[in-house]
Amino acid sequence: MGIRFENVGIAVRDLDAAIAFFTDLGLTLAGQDTVSGEWADTAVGLDGNHARIALLQTPGGDGRLELFEYLHPDAIETEPARPNDIGMHRVAFQVDDLDAALAIAARHGCHPLRGVANYQDVYRLTYLRGPSGILVMLAEDLRAG
C-alpha cells in the first residue's frame, strides 16, 4: 500500500486573515472553495456541514495547509492549545531568515510566546500564536548559511 502526506487541516475563525498571514510568510494560495452537501456531511461527520476552505502550499511543494472557516454548524471557540496539550496543535515551518519571518508575523499581531531560542547552534526557533490562536513554529537552520 502506498501512502503520501496530503495536508494538515486547521479550523480558523477568519479565513481571509489566516490566508493573509500564511501567504505573507511565503505559502501560495492554491485554491479556495465553499463546500457543503451530503458528501461533505459524510466525509466530515457533521450534519449540515458548510465551510469556506482554502488550500495553501509551501514554495517547495512538499507541504500543504487546508484552512477552513465553518459557516454551519457554528464554529466552537476553545482555549488555544498549549505546547504540552495532548493532540495535534502546531504547524512548523523552516524559514531562510527567522528575523524576517518574525517581522512578517508581527505585522499580523503575532509574536513569539517567550522569545527566540538557539538549539545547539543548529536552529534558531520560536513558537508564536498565529491567526485563530494557531501555534506556529518557525525555525531557521543555522547550518544552511
Protein backbone atom coordinates (compact mmCIF):
# COMPACT_ATOMS: atom_id res chain seq x y z
CA MET A 1 0.00 0.00 0.00
CA GLY A 2 1.34 3.42 -0.92
CA ILE A 3 0.87 6.43 1.30
CA ARG A 4 1.63 10.11 0.76
CA PHE A 5 1.17 13.05 3.10
CA GLU A 6 -1.62 15.28 1.79
CA ASN A 7 -2.18 18.23 4.13
CA VAL A 8 -2.86 19.50 7.62
CA GLY A 9 -6.33 20.96 8.19
CA ILE A 10 -6.88 23.86 10.56
CA ALA A 11 -10.20 25.44 11.50
CA VAL A 12 -9.98 29.24 11.71
CA ARG A 13 -12.40 31.96 12.74
CA ASP A 14 -11.40 34.32 9.90
CA LEU A 15 -10.30 32.62 6.68
CA ASP A 16 -9.16 35.82 4.97
CA ALA A 17 -6.93 36.82 7.91
CA ALA A 18 -5.40 33.33 8.04
CA ILE A 19 -4.74 33.35 4.28
CA ALA A 20 -3.07 36.77 4.57
CA PHE A 21 -0.83 35.55 7.42
CA PHE A 22 0.33 32.35 5.72
CA THR A 23 0.79 33.90 2.25
CA ASP A 24 2.83 36.73 3.77
CA LEU A 25 5.07 34.04 5.31
CA GLY A 26 5.62 32.63 1.82
CA LEU A 27 2.95 29.99 1.22
CA THR A 28 0.98 30.17 -2.04
CA LEU A 29 -2.79 30.10 -2.24
CA ALA A 30 -3.51 27.04 -4.39
CA GLY A 31 -7.29 27.38 -4.33
CA GLN A 32 -10.43 28.36 -2.48
CA ASP A 33 -13.93 26.92 -2.41
CA THR A 34 -17.09 26.62 -0.39
CA VAL A 35 -18.08 23.07 0.49
CA SER A 36 -21.40 21.65 1.59
CA GLY A 37 -23.82 18.87 0.79
CA GLU A 38 -24.29 15.23 1.61
CA TRP A 39 -20.76 14.25 0.59
CA ALA A 40 -19.30 16.88 2.96
CA ASP A 41 -21.60 15.75 5.80
CA THR A 42 -20.47 12.15 5.27
CA ALA A 43 -16.75 12.90 4.93
CA VAL A 44 -16.53 15.21 7.95
CA GLY A 45 -19.21 13.63 10.12
CA LEU A 46 -21.28 16.80 10.70
CA ASP A 47 -24.87 17.32 9.58
CA GLY A 48 -25.32 20.49 7.54
CA ASN A 49 -21.56 20.89 7.09
CA HIS A 50 -20.90 24.15 5.21
CA ALA A 51 -17.48 25.78 5.18
CA ARG A 52 -15.24 28.13 3.24
CA ILE A 53 -11.91 26.44 2.56
CA ALA A 54 -8.50 27.45 1.24
CA LEU A 55 -5.55 25.29 0.28
CA LEU A 56 -2.08 26.78 0.69
CA GLN A 57 1.17 25.25 -0.49
CA THR A 58 4.78 25.68 0.59
CA PRO A 59 7.18 27.05 -2.05
CA GLY A 60 8.88 23.68 -2.50
CA GLY A 61 5.52 21.98 -2.96
CA ASP A 62 6.20 19.43 -0.23
CA GLY A 63 3.63 20.65 2.29
CA ARG A 64 0.09 21.98 2.24
CA LEU A 65 -2.32 23.53 4.70
CA GLU A 66 -6.08 23.33 4.33
CA LEU A 67 -7.74 26.15 6.23
CA PHE A 68 -11.47 26.10 6.83
CA GLU A 69 -13.95 28.58 8.28
CA TYR A 70 -17.23 26.97 9.33
CA LEU A 71 -20.42 28.67 8.23
CA HIS A 72 -22.56 25.83 9.61
CA PRO A 73 -22.62 24.36 12.14
CA ASP A 74 -21.31 27.27 14.16
CA ALA A 75 -17.62 27.11 14.96
CA ILE A 76 -16.87 26.26 18.58
CA GLU A 77 -14.37 28.52 20.29
CA THR A 78 -11.93 26.68 22.55
CA GLU A 79 -8.92 27.72 24.51
CA PRO A 80 -5.85 27.80 22.26
CA ALA A 81 -3.68 24.70 22.56
CA ARG A 82 -0.61 24.91 24.76
CA PRO A 83 2.65 23.28 23.69
CA ASN A 84 2.15 20.43 26.20
CA ASP A 85 -1.53 19.65 25.38
CA ILE A 86 -2.20 16.16 24.03
CA GLY A 87 -3.28 16.15 20.39
CA MET A 88 -2.31 17.97 17.26
CA HIS A 89 -1.74 21.61 17.94
CA ARG A 90 1.05 23.23 15.90
CA VAL A 91 2.32 23.65 12.40
CA ALA A 92 6.07 24.15 11.81
CA PHE A 93 7.97 25.86 9.01
CA GLN A 94 11.65 26.13 8.25
CA VAL A 95 12.44 29.65 7.07
CA ASP A 96 15.55 31.12 5.46
CA ASP A 97 15.51 34.21 7.69
CA LEU A 98 13.83 33.94 11.09
CA ASP A 99 14.06 37.67 11.79
CA ALA A 100 12.30 38.49 8.50
CA ALA A 101 9.61 35.87 9.22
CA LEU A 102 9.07 37.33 12.69
CA ALA A 103 8.72 40.83 11.23
CA ILE A 104 6.02 39.50 8.88
CA ALA A 105 4.26 37.75 11.78
CA ALA A 106 4.42 40.95 13.86
CA ARG A 107 2.57 42.84 11.12
CA HIS A 108 -0.28 40.38 11.77
CA GLY A 109 -0.09 40.94 15.55
CA CYS A 110 1.68 37.59 16.10
CA HIS A 111 4.70 37.44 18.40
CA PRO A 112 6.85 34.71 20.00
CA LEU A 113 5.36 33.12 23.09
CA ARG A 114 8.57 33.76 25.01
CA GLY A 115 11.47 34.56 22.68
CA VAL A 116 13.82 33.05 20.14
CA ALA A 117 15.88 30.03 21.18
CA ASN A 118 19.14 28.67 19.84
CA TYR A 119 19.24 24.89 19.69
CA GLN A 120 22.89 23.80 19.79
CA ASP A 121 23.85 26.32 17.06
CA VAL A 122 21.83 24.18 14.63
CA TYR A 123 18.48 26.03 14.70
CA ARG A 124 17.13 29.36 15.83
CA LEU A 125 13.46 28.75 16.58
CA THR A 126 10.37 30.02 18.28
CA TYR A 127 6.68 29.29 18.80
CA LEU A 128 4.15 32.04 18.18
CA ARG A 129 0.37 32.38 18.09
CA GLY A 130 -0.89 32.79 14.56
CA PRO A 131 -4.42 33.63 13.45
CA SER A 132 -7.21 32.00 15.48
CA GLY A 133 -4.64 31.10 18.15
CA ILE A 134 -2.83 28.54 15.96
CA LEU A 135 0.56 27.59 17.35
CA VAL A 136 3.17 28.14 14.63
CA MET A 137 6.81 27.11 14.99
CA LEU A 138 9.34 28.95 12.86
CA ALA A 139 12.89 27.62 12.60
CA GLU A 140 15.99 28.83 10.78
CA ASP A 141 18.68 26.24 10.01
CA LEU A 142 21.95 27.87 11.05
CA ARG A 143 23.96 25.31 9.08
CA ALA A 144 22.43 26.40 5.77
CA GLY A 145 24.47 29.61 5.58
